[in-house]
Amino acid sequence: MGRYLNVSIIQMPISSDTVINLKYLKETVDKLMTGYVKPELIIGVEYGISKSYADTVPGKITDFLSSIAKEYGIYFIPGTMYERNDALKEGEFYNTCPVFAPTGEMIAAYRKKAPFRPGEPSMPSCDDDYCIIEIPEKNIKIGLLICYDQFFPEIARTLALKGAEMIVCPASDPMEFDYISEVIPRARALENELYYIWTSDTSNNINGATTCGTSTIVGPEGEVIYRAGNIPITFTKTLDFDLVSFKREYGRDQHLNALKHFNVKYPYANNLESAPVYKTLGKFTTSPDEYSNKVKNVGVGTIGNKVDKLNIRNKYLDIRKTEENLINFLKTK
């Protein structure tokens, strides 16, 4: 008997209203579970839970998501959310992905290590958490990344060295980056000899961008098993994790075994600032204002670069309305 796992992906449009997102997730899981190929693991997208309202983890939102996992007895990675935390300053939040077991227990809550700068306002996690999710029924370990994390191969490699046989990476990328699913997931899967699942939403004009979809499953030889289009869909695939074991032990190229055999050194691991490349790189831009000021000197994007205070006020009012809707929504469940 192989170590088979039925995996479903929810490629969804996300809303600034958390209630709409939660309703979408619940209704979509309901539909997925009516199929004759029953998913054992369901995966959402970055900010598929919340991209406006910040809640604690655990909290009311995770309680609701927990109830979905428990109802159907599934492993559930619903996407990410704004996490409010006492360790942060007022108004700051983490980009956090909760994970639920078939019992409804929240077995992980991974905070994004590398928020996209200058465009993403969430805070980086300050811990050494490398998130490994165990599915003991199948003897499978899954590593978790969030979007921009995948551009730092050191993170994915650490997950592989910790035993991950699949990496899941919920993302939210604009249409301009739709080629990412053809490049990064394949590279990470091949170099670490594991399954790699990258998801992205299909939203229109969230923070001024249309997102690309193209959620992708890649196999341990870097082969694309499935790549979605640019519309909201669900799809389910059965993955055989014995293929990961076979690739690592008997593959024509055995990357993880070769890494140990050659004992490749990484001289800048604990001393990045000493790397020669940083002697010529300018200051890293961590906010939209810093970026605008930096590129202004070279004449990029200088037309109409003004802050609209009315839009900021309206966004604040939308967040307050979302909070009220969320409270009312959860009270009815």
Protein backbone atom coordinates (compact mmCIF):
# COMPACT_ATOMS: atom_id res chain seq x y z
CA MET A 1 0.00 0.00 0.00
CA GLY A 2 1.35 3.40 -0.98
CA ARG A 3 1.17 6.48 1.19
CA TYR A 4 -1.57 8.19 -0.79
CA LEU A 5 -3.06 11.55 0.21
CA ASN A 6 -6.02 13.27 -1.45
CA VAL A 7 -5.26 16.99 -1.59
CA SER A 8 -7.71 19.72 -2.62
CA ILE A 9 -6.94 23.35 -3.40
CA ILE A 10 -9.36 26.26 -3.06
CA GLN A 11 -8.29 28.95 -5.54
CA MET A 12 -10.62 31.71 -4.46
CA PRO A 13 -11.25 35.42 -4.84
CA ILE A 14 -10.55 37.16 -1.54
CA SER A 15 -12.52 40.06 -0.12
CA SER A 16 -11.66 42.86 2.27
CA ASP A 17 -14.68 41.61 4.24
CA THR A 18 -13.62 38.70 6.45
CA VAL A 19 -17.20 37.44 6.72
CA ILE A 20 -17.38 36.95 2.95
CA ASN A 21 -14.12 34.98 3.00
CA LEU A 22 -15.25 32.70 5.83
CA LYS A 23 -18.57 32.06 4.14
CA TYR A 24 -16.79 31.23 0.86
CA LEU A 25 -14.45 28.79 2.59
CA LYS A 26 -17.26 27.00 4.41
CA GLU A 27 -19.47 26.66 1.33
CA THR A 28 -16.56 25.51 -0.84
CA VAL A 29 -15.45 22.85 1.65
CA ASP A 30 -19.07 21.68 1.83
CA LYS A 31 -19.07 21.20 -1.96
CA LEU A 32 -15.66 19.50 -2.06
CA MET A 33 -16.82 16.94 0.48
CA THR A 34 -19.75 15.89 -1.72
CA GLY A 35 -17.37 14.45 -4.33
CA TYR A 36 -16.55 10.76 -4.48
CA VAL A 37 -12.82 11.56 -4.23
CA LYS A 38 -12.83 12.88 -0.68
CA PRO A 39 -10.06 15.33 0.19
CA GLU A 40 -8.02 14.52 3.27
CA LEU A 41 -6.17 17.84 3.17
CA ILE A 42 -7.65 21.11 1.91
CA ILE A 43 -5.46 24.15 1.19
CA GLY A 44 -6.47 27.79 0.73
CA VAL A 45 -4.60 30.95 -0.30
CA GLU A 46 -2.71 33.76 1.38
CA TYR A 47 -5.17 36.17 3.04
CA GLY A 48 -7.99 33.80 2.12
CA ILE A 49 -9.21 34.13 5.71
CA SER A 50 -8.71 37.83 6.36
CA LYS A 51 -7.07 40.80 4.70
CA SER A 52 -8.52 43.56 6.85
CA TYR A 53 -9.70 42.44 10.27
CA ALA A 54 -7.04 41.27 12.75
CA ASP A 55 -8.00 38.61 15.29
CA THR A 56 -6.04 36.74 17.93
CA VAL A 57 -4.79 33.21 17.27
CA PRO A 58 -6.50 31.29 18.74
CA GLY A 59 -9.66 33.37 18.58
CA LYS A 60 -13.17 33.50 17.14
CA ILE A 61 -11.99 33.08 13.55
CA THR A 62 -9.83 30.04 14.26
CA ASP A 63 -12.66 28.54 16.32
CA PHE A 64 -14.90 28.77 13.25
CA LEU A 65 -12.27 27.22 10.98
CA SER A 66 -11.64 24.50 13.53
CA SER A 67 -15.31 23.54 13.36
CA ILE A 68 -15.00 22.98 9.60
CA ALA A 69 -12.05 20.61 10.01
CA LYS A 70 -13.83 18.72 12.78
CA GLU A 71 -17.12 18.46 10.87
CA TYR A 72 -15.48 16.62 7.99
CA GLY A 73 -12.50 15.02 9.75
CA ILE A 74 -9.91 16.65 7.48
CA TYR A 75 -6.57 18.38 7.73
CA PHE A 76 -7.23 22.01 6.88
CA ILE A 77 -4.81 24.76 5.84
CA PRO A 78 -7.39 27.45 5.05
CA GLY A 79 -4.93 30.21 4.10
CA THR A 80 -3.62 33.16 6.07
CA MET A 81 -5.06 35.93 8.19
CA TYR A 82 -4.14 39.09 10.06
CA GLU A 83 -3.10 38.03 13.57
CA ARG A 84 -3.33 40.51 16.42
CA ASN A 85 -0.77 39.75 19.14
CA ASP A 86 0.19 41.36 22.46
CA ALA A 87 3.88 41.19 21.48
CA LEU A 88 3.26 43.73 18.71
CA LYS A 89 2.61 47.45 18.84
CA GLU A 90 -0.88 48.84 18.34
CA GLY A 91 -1.89 48.45 14.69
CA GLU A 92 0.79 45.87 13.88
CA PHE A 93 -0.05 42.29 12.94
CA TYR A 94 1.41 39.01 11.73
CA ASN A 95 0.51 37.24 8.49
CA THR A 96 -0.40 33.89 10.03
CA CYS A 97 -1.49 30.53 8.63
CA PRO A 98 -3.37 28.30 11.10
CA VAL A 99 -3.48 24.54 10.52
CA PHE A 100 -6.16 22.19 11.82
CA ALA A 101 -6.27 18.43 12.41
CA PRO A 102 -9.32 16.20 11.77
CA THR A 103 -10.23 16.54 15.46
CA GLY A 104 -10.51 20.31 15.03
CA GLU A 105 -7.35 20.91 17.05
CA MET A 106 -5.18 23.76 15.78
CA ILE A 107 -1.86 21.95 15.40
CA ALA A 108 0.16 24.89 14.01
CA ALA A 109 0.00 28.62 13.47
CA TYR A 110 2.86 29.65 11.22
CA ARG A 111 3.83 33.32 10.96
CA LYS A 112 5.37 34.52 7.73
CA LYS A 113 9.12 34.95 8.10
CA ALA A 114 9.67 37.28 5.16
CA PRO A 115 6.79 39.72 4.48
CA PHE A 116 7.06 41.27 1.03
CA ARG A 117 8.61 44.70 1.25
CA PRO A 118 7.78 47.43 0.58
CA GLY A 119 4.26 46.33 -0.34
CA GLU A 120 3.15 44.21 2.63
CA PRO A 121 2.47 45.80 6.03
CA SER A 122 2.61 42.65 8.19
CA MET A 123 5.45 42.08 10.66
CA PRO A 124 8.05 39.30 10.27
CA SER A 125 8.10 36.56 12.87
CA CYS A 126 10.99 36.93 15.30
CA ASP A 127 11.27 33.27 16.23
CA ASP A 128 13.09 30.28 14.79
CA ASP A 129 9.88 28.49 13.86
CA TYR A 130 10.20 26.13 10.91
CA CYS A 131 6.71 24.77 10.61
CA ILE A 132 6.40 21.01 10.13
CA ILE A 133 2.91 19.47 10.11
CA GLU A 134 2.64 15.75 10.74
CA ILE A 135 -0.05 13.49 9.30
CA PRO A 136 0.62 10.39 11.42
CA GLU A 137 -2.09 8.32 9.72
CA LYS A 138 0.00 8.37 6.52
CA ASN A 139 3.47 8.91 8.05
CA ILE A 140 3.78 12.18 6.11
CA LYS A 141 5.46 15.44 7.12
CA ILE A 142 4.51 18.73 5.48
CA GLY A 143 6.44 22.00 5.66
CA LEU A 144 4.75 25.38 5.49
CA LEU A 145 5.82 28.63 3.81
CA ILE A 146 3.85 31.79 3.03
CA CYS A 147 4.29 33.52 -0.34
CA TYR A 148 7.52 35.58 -0.29
CA ASP A 149 9.15 33.02 2.04
CA GLN A 150 9.73 30.83 -1.00
CA PHE A 151 12.20 33.29 -2.51
CA PHE A 152 14.60 32.39 0.30
CA PRO A 153 15.66 28.81 -0.53
CA GLU A 154 17.31 28.44 2.87
CA ILE A 155 13.84 28.20 4.46
CA ALA A 156 12.60 25.46 2.13
CA ARG A 157 15.87 23.54 2.48
CA THR A 158 15.58 23.65 6.27
CA LEU A 159 12.07 22.21 6.05
CA ALA A 160 13.34 19.41 3.82
CA LEU A 161 16.19 18.65 6.20
CA LYS A 162 13.63 18.46 9.01
CA GLY A 163 11.88 15.71 7.08
CA ALA A 164 9.23 17.52 5.03
CA GLU A 165 8.07 15.48 2.03
CA MET A 166 5.79 18.26 0.81
CA ILE A 167 5.90 22.02 1.12
CA VAL A 168 2.70 24.06 1.03
CA CYS A 169 2.98 27.74 0.14
CA PRO A 170 -0.22 29.85 0.19
CA ALA A 171 0.41 33.04 -1.77
CA SER A 172 -1.26 36.10 -3.26
CA ASP A 173 0.59 37.29 -6.34
CA PRO A 174 -0.38 39.91 -8.93
CA MET A 175 -0.96 39.00 -12.57
CA GLU A 176 2.45 40.44 -13.45
CA PHE A 177 4.01 37.55 -11.52
CA ASP A 178 1.97 34.70 -12.99
CA TYR A 179 5.18 33.12 -14.28
CA ILE A 180 6.31 32.46 -10.70
CA SER A 181 4.39 29.19 -10.58
CA GLU A 182 6.43 27.97 -13.57
CA VAL A 183 9.75 28.68 -11.88
CA ILE A 184 10.02 28.82 -8.07
CA PRO A 185 7.78 25.85 -7.12
CA ARG A 186 9.55 23.63 -9.65
CA ALA A 187 12.98 24.67 -8.40
CA ARG A 188 12.11 24.17 -4.73
CA ALA A 189 10.50 20.78 -5.45
CA LEU A 190 13.42 19.52 -7.52
CA GLU A 191 16.26 20.70 -5.29
CA ASN A 192 14.57 19.27 -2.18
CA GLU A 193 13.02 16.20 -3.84
CA LEU A 194 9.50 16.71 -2.51
CA TYR A 195 5.99 17.72 -3.51
CA TYR A 196 5.43 21.46 -3.63
CA ILE A 197 2.02 23.13 -3.64
CA TRP A 198 1.81 26.84 -4.41
CA THR A 199 -1.58 28.55 -4.28
CA SER A 200 -2.70 32.04 -5.25
CA ASP A 201 -6.02 33.83 -5.23
CA THR A 202 -7.97 35.33 -8.14
CA SER A 203 -8.98 38.72 -6.78
CA ASN A 204 -9.58 41.96 -8.63
CA ASN A 205 -8.18 45.28 -7.45
CA ILE A 206 -7.28 44.26 -3.90
CA ASN A 207 -4.62 46.84 -2.99
CA GLY A 208 -4.55 47.98 -6.61
CA ALA A 209 -3.71 44.59 -8.16
CA THR A 210 -5.41 41.74 -9.97
CA THR A 211 -4.05 38.46 -8.68
CA CYS A 212 -3.04 35.64 -10.97
CA GLY A 213 -4.34 32.33 -9.67
CA THR A 214 -2.31 29.61 -11.46
CA SER A 215 -2.12 27.48 -8.30
CA THR A 216 0.32 24.66 -8.98
CA ILE A 217 1.24 21.19 -7.74
CA VAL A 218 4.78 20.02 -8.53
CA GLY A 219 6.20 16.54 -8.01
CA PRO A 220 9.55 15.49 -6.48
CA GLU A 221 11.28 15.44 -9.87
CA GLY A 222 10.24 19.02 -10.57
CA GLU A 223 7.44 17.94 -12.88
CA VAL A 224 4.21 19.98 -12.99
CA ILE A 225 1.35 17.72 -11.94
CA TYR A 226 -1.32 20.39 -12.29
CA ARG A 227 -1.40 24.13 -12.94
CA ALA A 228 -4.66 26.05 -12.67
CA GLY A 229 -5.78 28.98 -14.76
CA ASN A 230 -6.79 32.48 -13.68
CA ILE A 231 -10.34 31.83 -12.47
CA PRO A 232 -11.74 30.72 -9.10
CA ILE A 233 -11.74 26.90 -9.01
CA THR A 234 -11.20 23.88 -6.81
CA PHE A 235 -9.24 20.82 -7.82
CA THR A 236 -8.26 17.57 -6.14
CA LYS A 237 -5.24 15.33 -6.75
CA THR A 238 -4.14 12.06 -5.17
CA LEU A 239 -0.42 12.20 -4.32
CA ASP A 240 1.77 9.16 -3.64
CA PHE A 241 4.42 10.03 -1.05
CA ASP A 242 6.37 6.84 -1.65
CA LEU A 243 7.55 8.60 -4.82
CA VAL A 244 9.38 11.09 -2.61
CA SER A 245 11.20 8.28 -0.82
CA PHE A 246 12.05 6.65 -4.14
CA LYS A 247 13.39 9.89 -5.67
CA ARG A 248 15.62 10.61 -2.68
CA GLU A 249 17.01 7.07 -2.52
CA TYR A 250 17.11 5.92 -6.15
CA GLY A 251 16.78 9.03 -8.31
CA ARG A 252 19.32 9.64 -11.07
CA ASP A 253 20.15 12.84 -9.21
CA GLN A 254 19.97 12.60 -5.41
CA HIS A 255 20.23 16.17 -4.18
CA LEU A 256 19.77 15.74 -0.45
CA ASN A 257 22.19 12.80 -0.31
CA ALA A 258 24.67 14.78 -2.41
CA LEU A 259 24.42 17.75 -0.03
CA LYS A 260 25.59 15.58 2.86
CA HIS A 261 28.19 13.77 0.77
CA PHE A 262 29.90 16.93 -0.50
CA ASN A 263 29.35 18.82 2.76
CA VAL A 264 28.84 22.10 0.90
CA LYS A 265 29.81 25.06 3.10
CA TYR A 266 27.80 28.25 3.49
CA PRO A 267 30.31 30.87 4.67
CA TYR A 268 27.81 33.69 5.15
CA ALA A 269 25.21 31.72 7.14
CA ASN A 270 25.71 33.72 10.33
CA ASN A 271 27.45 36.73 8.85
CA LEU A 272 25.41 37.97 5.89
CA GLU A 273 26.45 41.58 6.25
CA SER A 274 30.02 40.61 5.36
CA ALA A 275 29.04 39.28 1.93
CA PRO A 276 30.69 41.32 -0.86
CA VAL A 277 27.38 41.90 -2.66
CA TYR A 278 26.19 44.17 0.16
CA LYS A 279 29.08 46.55 -0.35
CA THR A 280 27.39 47.92 -3.46
CA LEU A 281 23.69 47.50 -2.65
CA GLY A 282 21.79 50.54 -1.41
CA LYS A 283 19.42 50.80 1.54
CA PHE A 284 16.60 48.27 1.65
CA THR A 285 13.20 49.93 1.22
CA THR A 286 10.82 48.72 3.92
CA SER A 287 7.79 50.96 3.26
CA PRO A 288 5.96 52.43 0.25
CA ASP A 289 7.14 55.93 1.20
CA GLU A 290 10.77 54.82 1.29
CA TYR A 291 10.36 53.13 -2.07
CA SER A 292 8.74 56.21 -3.65
CA ASN A 293 11.51 58.47 -2.41
CA LYS A 294 14.18 56.08 -3.65
CA VAL A 295 12.84 55.64 -7.17
CA LYS A 296 11.98 59.34 -7.47
CA ASN A 297 15.68 60.01 -7.90
CA VAL A 298 15.73 57.92 -11.08
CA GLY A 299 12.42 59.20 -12.41
CA VAL A 300 10.35 56.04 -11.89
CA GLY A 301 6.68 56.35 -10.98
CA THR A 302 6.74 60.05 -10.12
CA ILE A 303 3.45 61.03 -11.80
CA GLY A 304 0.48 61.34 -9.48
CA ASN A 305 2.36 60.03 -6.46
CA LYS A 306 0.06 61.51 -3.79
CA VAL A 307 -1.61 60.14 -0.69
CA ASP A 308 -5.41 60.22 -0.75
CA LYS A 309 -6.44 60.77 2.87
CA LEU A 310 -10.12 60.22 2.06
CA ASN A 311 -9.36 56.67 0.80
CA ILE A 312 -7.45 55.92 4.01
CA ARG A 313 -10.42 57.09 6.09
CA ASN A 314 -12.83 54.99 4.03
CA LYS A 315 -10.61 51.93 4.43
CA TYR A 316 -10.69 52.42 8.23
CA LEU A 317 -14.48 52.59 8.15
CA ASP A 318 -14.60 49.42 6.03
CA ILE A 319 -12.49 47.60 8.63
CA ARG A 320 -14.85 48.70 11.42
CA LYS A 321 -17.82 47.47 9.38
CA THR A 322 -16.05 44.13 8.78
CA GLU A 323 -15.50 43.74 12.51
CA GLU A 324 -19.20 44.29 13.21
CA ASN A 325 -20.22 41.87 10.43
CA LEU A 326 -17.80 39.23 11.70
CA ILE A 327 -19.15 39.37 15.24
CA ASN A 328 -22.73 39.05 13.98
CA PHE A 329 -21.74 36.22 11.59
CA LEU A 330 -20.01 34.17 14.26
CA LYS A 331 -22.90 34.64 16.68
CA THR A 332 -25.20 32.86 14.21
CA LYS A 333 -22.91 29.80 13.93
